[in-house]
Amino acid sequence: MSRIGKAPINVPDGVSLTLEGQLVKVKGPKGELEQAIDAEIGMNLEENVLTFSRPSDHKNHRAKHGLYRALVNNMIVGVTEGYSIKLELVGVGFRASSQGQDLTLSLGFSHQIVMRIPAEIKLEAETKKGNNPYVLLSSHDKQLIGTVAAKIRSLRKPEPYKGKGVRYAGEQIRRKAGKTAAK
C-alpha cells in the first residue's frame, strides 16, 4: 500500500470539497481549484475526511494512488494557506520590476525581457541597492506557480563558475573551479 496514498486528507473548516464523478472541486478563502481523477482510483468522502483507494497492486495503480492523493492535498493547502516562491537575480546589472501582471527583467542580454504573468498569480518584484533583486510569486495553485517560476528561472539558469543567474531563494549552486594559470 502506498504510504502517501493511504493517508487520509482532513478537509478543514471553510473549505468545501465536492466530488462530481471523477472531478474533485475544492473551494476555499484563497480561491477554487478542480482536478480530474483517473476512473481506476476510488474516492470516499465521509465526515470531512477524504480517502483514496486503488483496485490492485499493479504498478500503474500504485503510482496513481499516491499521485492523486498528493494533488488533492496540494489543492486544499493552496486554497487555505497558498504558496509562494521567491526567485533571486544574482549578477551585475540584473534588475526586476513589475507593473500590474507584466514582469520586466534585465538579465545581461542586449534587451529586456517582458513576461505576462497569469492573473491567478500575485507578482511582486523589487530591486534594492546592496541586495540582489528578487521576484516573489504567490498563488493558490501549486502547479501553476511552479511552472511560471521554472519558466522565469530558465531565462538565465545559474552558471557554475560565478554563480550568476536566476535562482530560487536558498538554492545552493554547485560551484566549479576556474582555469588555473599556466606556469
C-alpha atoms as a PDB file:
ATOM      1  CA  MET A   1       0.000   0.000   0.000  1.00  0.00           C
ATOM      2  CA  SER A   2       1.258   3.458  -0.852  1.00  0.00           C
ATOM      3  CA  ARG A   3       2.218   5.340   2.285  1.00  0.00           C
ATOM      4  CA  ILE A   4       1.167   8.628   0.721  1.00  0.00           C
ATOM      5  CA  GLY A   5      -1.952   7.237  -0.950  1.00  0.00           C
ATOM      6  CA  LYS A   6      -3.403   5.584   2.138  1.00  0.00           C
ATOM      7  CA  ALA A   7      -3.066   8.683   4.336  1.00  0.00           C
ATOM      8  CA  PRO A   8      -6.480  10.342   4.776  1.00  0.00           C
ATOM      9  CA  ILE A   9      -6.969  14.030   3.987  1.00  0.00           C
ATOM     10  CA  ASN A  10      -8.767  16.106   6.603  1.00  0.00           C
ATOM     11  CA  VAL A  11     -10.841  18.850   4.974  1.00  0.00           C
ATOM     12  CA  PRO A  12     -10.561  21.953   7.208  1.00  0.00           C
ATOM     13  CA  ASP A  13     -13.438  24.278   8.083  1.00  0.00           C
ATOM     14  CA  GLY A  14     -14.046  26.966   5.484  1.00  0.00           C
ATOM     15  CA  VAL A  15     -13.138  24.625   2.620  1.00  0.00           C
ATOM     16  CA  SER A  16     -15.846  22.968   0.526  1.00  0.00           C
ATOM     17  CA  LEU A  17     -14.828  19.813  -1.315  1.00  0.00           C
ATOM     18  CA  THR A  18     -17.237  18.306  -3.839  1.00  0.00           C
ATOM     19  CA  LEU A  19     -16.899  15.077  -5.800  1.00  0.00           C
ATOM     20  CA  GLU A  20     -18.682  15.114  -9.164  1.00  0.00           C
ATOM     21  CA  GLY A  21     -17.968  11.730 -10.704  1.00  0.00           C
ATOM     22  CA  GLN A  22     -14.214  11.730 -11.205  1.00  0.00           C
ATOM     23  CA  LEU A  23     -13.841  15.508 -10.798  1.00  0.00           C
ATOM     24  CA  VAL A  24     -12.754  16.991  -7.463  1.00  0.00           C
ATOM     25  CA  LYS A  25     -13.616  20.650  -6.817  1.00  0.00           C
ATOM     26  CA  VAL A  26     -12.087  22.495  -3.875  1.00  0.00           C
ATOM     27  CA  LYS A  27     -13.206  25.971  -2.854  1.00  0.00           C
ATOM     28  CA  GLY A  28     -11.670  27.997  -0.042  1.00  0.00           C
ATOM     29  CA  PRO A  29     -10.871  31.524   1.100  1.00  0.00           C
ATOM     30  CA  LYS A  30      -7.957  31.980  -1.367  1.00  0.00           C
ATOM     31  CA  GLY A  31      -9.712  30.608  -4.477  1.00  0.00           C
ATOM     32  CA  GLU A  32     -11.055  27.491  -6.113  1.00  0.00           C
ATOM     33  CA  LEU A  33      -9.417  24.614  -7.999  1.00  0.00           C
ATOM     34  CA  GLU A  34     -10.521  21.447  -9.732  1.00  0.00           C
ATOM     35  CA  GLN A  35      -8.740  18.235 -10.707  1.00  0.00           C
ATOM     36  CA  ALA A  36      -9.849  15.255 -12.794  1.00  0.00           C
ATOM     37  CA  ILE A  37      -9.093  11.904 -11.134  1.00  0.00           C
ATOM     38  CA  ASP A  38      -8.455   8.665 -13.042  1.00  0.00           C
ATOM     39  CA  ALA A  39     -11.510   6.381 -13.101  1.00  0.00           C
ATOM     40  CA  GLU A  40      -9.493   3.494 -11.605  1.00  0.00           C
ATOM     41  CA  ILE A  41      -8.817   5.382  -8.363  1.00  0.00           C
ATOM     42  CA  GLY A  42     -11.690   5.364  -5.859  1.00  0.00           C
ATOM     43  CA  MET A  43     -12.539   8.303  -3.601  1.00  0.00           C
ATOM     44  CA  ASN A  44     -14.637   8.339  -0.441  1.00  0.00           C
ATOM     45  CA  LEU A  45     -15.670  11.473   1.491  1.00  0.00           C
ATOM     46  CA  GLU A  46     -17.069  10.873   4.983  1.00  0.00           C
ATOM     47  CA  GLU A  47     -17.356  13.495   7.728  1.00  0.00           C
ATOM     48  CA  ASN A  48     -14.788  15.875   6.151  1.00  0.00           C
ATOM     49  CA  VAL A  49     -12.214  13.074   5.691  1.00  0.00           C
ATOM     50  CA  LEU A  50     -11.275  12.127   2.122  1.00  0.00           C
ATOM     51  CA  THR A  51      -9.673   8.740   1.433  1.00  0.00           C
ATOM     52  CA  PHE A  52      -8.382   7.208  -1.785  1.00  0.00           C
ATOM     53  CA  SER A  53      -8.378   3.546  -2.776  1.00  0.00           C
ATOM     54  CA  ARG A  54      -6.977   1.523  -5.660  1.00  0.00           C
ATOM     55  CA  PRO A  55      -8.252  -1.687  -7.260  1.00  0.00           C
ATOM     56  CA  SER A  56      -4.990  -3.678  -7.237  1.00  0.00           C
ATOM     57  CA  ASP A  57      -1.260  -3.577  -6.502  1.00  0.00           C
ATOM     58  CA  HIS A  58      -0.397  -3.092 -10.160  1.00  0.00           C
ATOM     59  CA  LYS A  59       2.488  -0.629 -10.635  1.00  0.00           C
ATOM     60  CA  ASN A  60       0.278   1.839 -12.522  1.00  0.00           C
ATOM     61  CA  HIS A  61      -2.396   1.765  -9.793  1.00  0.00           C
ATOM     62  CA  ARG A  62       0.182   2.260  -7.020  1.00  0.00           C
ATOM     63  CA  ALA A  63       1.660   5.281  -8.806  1.00  0.00           C
ATOM     64  CA  LYS A  64      -1.698   6.964  -9.417  1.00  0.00           C
ATOM     65  CA  HIS A  65      -2.881   6.244  -5.860  1.00  0.00           C
ATOM     66  CA  GLY A  66      -0.214   8.454  -4.294  1.00  0.00           C
ATOM     67  CA  LEU A  67      -0.236  10.982  -7.135  1.00  0.00           C
ATOM     68  CA  TYR A  68      -3.915  11.911  -6.924  1.00  0.00           C
ATOM     69  CA  ARG A  69      -3.889  11.991  -3.121  1.00  0.00           C
ATOM     70  CA  ALA A  70      -0.936  14.429  -3.241  1.00  0.00           C
ATOM     71  CA  LEU A  71      -2.589  16.597  -5.916  1.00  0.00           C
ATOM     72  CA  VAL A  72      -5.829  16.943  -3.919  1.00  0.00           C
ATOM     73  CA  ASN A  73      -3.896  17.644  -0.702  1.00  0.00           C
ATOM     74  CA  ASN A  74      -1.922  20.391  -2.500  1.00  0.00           C
ATOM     75  CA  MET A  75      -5.211  21.881  -3.695  1.00  0.00           C
ATOM     76  CA  ILE A  76      -6.582  22.007  -0.134  1.00  0.00           C
ATOM     77  CA  VAL A  77      -3.388  23.582   1.227  1.00  0.00           C
ATOM     78  CA  GLY A  78      -3.407  26.067  -1.664  1.00  0.00           C
ATOM     79  CA  VAL A  79      -6.943  27.357  -1.094  1.00  0.00           C
ATOM     80  CA  THR A  80      -6.367  27.695   2.669  1.00  0.00           C
ATOM     81  CA  GLU A  81      -2.749  28.902   3.042  1.00  0.00           C
ATOM     82  CA  GLY A  82      -1.489  29.481  -0.511  1.00  0.00           C
ATOM     83  CA  TYR A  83       2.007  29.022  -1.921  1.00  0.00           C
ATOM     84  CA  SER A  84       4.829  31.449  -2.613  1.00  0.00           C
ATOM     85  CA  ILE A  85       8.132  31.147  -4.461  1.00  0.00           C
ATOM     86  CA  LYS A  86      10.947  33.684  -4.236  1.00  0.00           C
ATOM     87  CA  LEU A  87      13.474  33.978  -7.071  1.00  0.00           C
ATOM     88  CA  GLU A  88      16.773  35.857  -6.694  1.00  0.00           C
ATOM     89  CA  LEU A  89      18.584  37.521  -9.599  1.00  0.00           C
ATOM     90  CA  VAL A  90      22.330  37.220  -8.981  1.00  0.00           C
ATOM     91  CA  GLY A  91      24.596  39.181 -11.308  1.00  0.00           C
ATOM     92  CA  VAL A  92      25.921  42.646 -12.034  1.00  0.00           C
ATOM     93  CA  GLY A  93      23.233  44.814 -13.618  1.00  0.00           C
ATOM     94  CA  PHE A  94      20.439  42.264 -13.145  1.00  0.00           C
ATOM     95  CA  ARG A  95      17.149  44.033 -12.394  1.00  0.00           C
ATOM     96  CA  ALA A  96      13.488  43.152 -11.976  1.00  0.00           C
ATOM     97  CA  SER A  97      10.405  45.346 -11.986  1.00  0.00           C
ATOM     98  CA  SER A  98       6.694  44.695 -12.154  1.00  0.00           C
ATOM     99  CA  GLN A  99       3.786  46.737 -13.400  1.00  0.00           C
ATOM    100  CA  GLY A 100       0.457  45.009 -12.992  1.00  0.00           C
ATOM    101  CA  GLN A 101       0.919  41.475 -14.314  1.00  0.00           C
ATOM    102  CA  ASP A 102       3.913  42.366 -16.520  1.00  0.00           C
ATOM    103  CA  LEU A 103       7.340  41.335 -15.243  1.00  0.00           C
ATOM    104  CA  THR A 104      10.322  43.151 -16.777  1.00  0.00           C
ATOM    105  CA  LEU A 105      13.727  41.521 -16.325  1.00  0.00           C
ATOM    106  CA  SER A 106      17.213  42.774 -17.211  1.00  0.00           C
ATOM    107  CA  LEU A 107      19.400  39.676 -17.209  1.00  0.00           C
ATOM    108  CA  GLY A 108      22.536  40.810 -19.011  1.00  0.00           C
ATOM    109  CA  PHE A 109      21.172  40.411 -22.531  1.00  0.00           C
ATOM    110  CA  SER A 110      21.098  43.244 -25.062  1.00  0.00           C
ATOM    111  CA  HIS A 111      17.352  43.591 -24.461  1.00  0.00           C
ATOM    112  CA  GLN A 112      14.908  43.496 -21.576  1.00  0.00           C
ATOM    113  CA  ILE A 113      12.611  40.502 -21.178  1.00  0.00           C
ATOM    114  CA  VAL A 114       8.928  41.250 -20.569  1.00  0.00           C
ATOM    115  CA  MET A 115       6.740  38.369 -19.329  1.00  0.00           C
ATOM    116  CA  ARG A 116       2.990  38.386 -18.831  1.00  0.00           C
ATOM    117  CA  ILE A 117       2.218  36.548 -15.586  1.00  0.00           C
ATOM    118  CA  PRO A 118      -1.179  34.741 -15.303  1.00  0.00           C
ATOM    119  CA  ALA A 119      -3.874  36.580 -13.348  1.00  0.00           C
ATOM    120  CA  GLU A 120      -4.055  33.824 -10.680  1.00  0.00           C
ATOM    121  CA  ILE A 121      -0.533  34.714  -9.525  1.00  0.00           C
ATOM    122  CA  LYS A 122       0.232  37.748  -7.354  1.00  0.00           C
ATOM    123  CA  LEU A 123       3.505  39.297  -8.503  1.00  0.00           C
ATOM    124  CA  GLU A 124       5.990  41.380  -6.551  1.00  0.00           C
ATOM    125  CA  ALA A 125       9.420  42.423  -7.848  1.00  0.00           C
ATOM    126  CA  GLU A 126      11.938  44.619  -6.126  1.00  0.00           C
ATOM    127  CA  THR A 127      15.438  45.893  -6.841  1.00  0.00           C
ATOM    128  CA  LYS A 128      17.227  47.365  -3.813  1.00  0.00           C
ATOM    129  CA  LYS A 129      20.709  48.793  -3.811  1.00  0.00           C
ATOM    130  CA  GLY A 130      23.131  46.490  -1.985  1.00  0.00           C
ATOM    131  CA  ASN A 131      20.856  43.435  -2.223  1.00  0.00           C
ATOM    132  CA  ASN A 132      20.101  41.021  -5.027  1.00  0.00           C
ATOM    133  CA  PRO A 133      16.887  41.837  -6.902  1.00  0.00           C
ATOM    134  CA  TYR A 134      14.077  39.380  -6.260  1.00  0.00           C
ATOM    135  CA  VAL A 135      10.759  38.269  -7.713  1.00  0.00           C
ATOM    136  CA  LEU A 136       8.081  36.972  -5.330  1.00  0.00           C
ATOM    137  CA  LEU A 137       5.250  34.872  -6.783  1.00  0.00           C
ATOM    138  CA  SER A 138       2.171  33.992  -4.657  1.00  0.00           C
ATOM    139  CA  SER A 139      -0.809  31.872  -5.663  1.00  0.00           C
ATOM    140  CA  HIS A 140      -3.249  29.207  -4.535  1.00  0.00           C
ATOM    141  CA  ASP A 141      -2.329  26.889  -7.454  1.00  0.00           C
ATOM    142  CA  LYS A 142       0.913  24.997  -6.760  1.00  0.00           C
ATOM    143  CA  GLN A 143       1.234  23.583 -10.285  1.00  0.00           C
ATOM    144  CA  LEU A 144       0.812  26.959 -11.980  1.00  0.00           C
ATOM    145  CA  ILE A 145       3.193  28.834  -9.683  1.00  0.00           C
ATOM    146  CA  GLY A 146       5.845  26.122 -10.103  1.00  0.00           C
ATOM    147  CA  THR A 147       5.567  26.256 -13.886  1.00  0.00           C
ATOM    148  CA  VAL A 148       5.864  30.054 -14.000  1.00  0.00           C
ATOM    149  CA  ALA A 149       8.831  30.057 -11.590  1.00  0.00           C
ATOM    150  CA  ALA A 150      10.610  27.395 -13.673  1.00  0.00           C
ATOM    151  CA  LYS A 151       9.987  29.452 -16.840  1.00  0.00           C
ATOM    152  CA  ILE A 152      11.492  32.580 -15.242  1.00  0.00           C
ATOM    153  CA  ARG A 153      14.487  30.566 -13.992  1.00  0.00           C
ATOM    154  CA  SER A 154      15.043  29.057 -17.458  1.00  0.00           C
ATOM    155  CA  LEU A 155      15.616  32.542 -18.917  1.00  0.00           C
ATOM    156  CA  ARG A 156      19.063  32.640 -17.258  1.00  0.00           C
ATOM    157  CA  LYS A 157      19.958  29.499 -15.266  1.00  0.00           C
ATOM    158  CA  PRO A 158      22.681  29.869 -12.634  1.00  0.00           C
ATOM    159  CA  GLU A 159      26.069  29.039 -14.094  1.00  0.00           C
ATOM    160  CA  PRO A 160      28.610  27.040 -12.035  1.00  0.00           C
ATOM    161  CA  TYR A 161      31.671  29.330 -12.355  1.00  0.00           C
ATOM    162  CA  LYS A 162      30.500  32.670 -10.971  1.00  0.00           C
ATOM    163  CA  GLY A 163      27.003  31.650  -9.819  1.00  0.00           C
ATOM    164  CA  LYS A 164      25.286  34.329 -11.916  1.00  0.00           C
ATOM    165  CA  GLY A 165      21.696  33.799 -12.999  1.00  0.00           C
ATOM    166  CA  VAL A 166      18.157  33.405 -11.687  1.00  0.00           C
ATOM    167  CA  ARG A 167      17.875  31.035  -8.737  1.00  0.00           C
ATOM    168  CA  TYR A 168      15.309  30.010  -6.157  1.00  0.00           C
ATOM    169  CA  ALA A 169      15.838  31.680  -2.760  1.00  0.00           C
ATOM    170  CA  GLY A 170      18.058  29.413  -0.680  1.00  0.00           C
ATOM    171  CA  GLU A 171      19.119  27.284  -3.655  1.00  0.00           C
ATOM    172  CA  GLN A 172      22.711  26.043  -3.416  1.00  0.00           C
ATOM    173  CA  ILE A 173      24.662  26.191  -6.673  1.00  0.00           C
ATOM    174  CA  ARG A 174      27.472  23.683  -7.099  1.00  0.00           C
ATOM    175  CA  ARG A 175      30.487  25.776  -7.983  1.00  0.00           C
ATOM    176  CA  LYS A 176      33.400  24.734 -10.205  1.00  0.00           C
ATOM    177  CA  ALA A 177      36.980  25.928 -10.100  1.00  0.00           C
ATOM    178  CA  GLY A 178      38.028  28.202 -12.945  1.00  0.00           C
ATOM    179  CA  LYS A 179      41.096  27.831 -15.126  1.00  0.00           C
ATOM    180  CA  THR A 180      44.453  27.677 -13.403  1.00  0.00           C
ATOM    181  CA  ALA A 181      47.256  29.954 -14.575  1.00  0.00           C
ATOM    182  CA  ALA A 182      49.929  28.420 -16.837  1.00  0.00           C
ATOM    183  CA  LYS A 183      53.439  28.211 -15.374  1.00  0.00           C
END
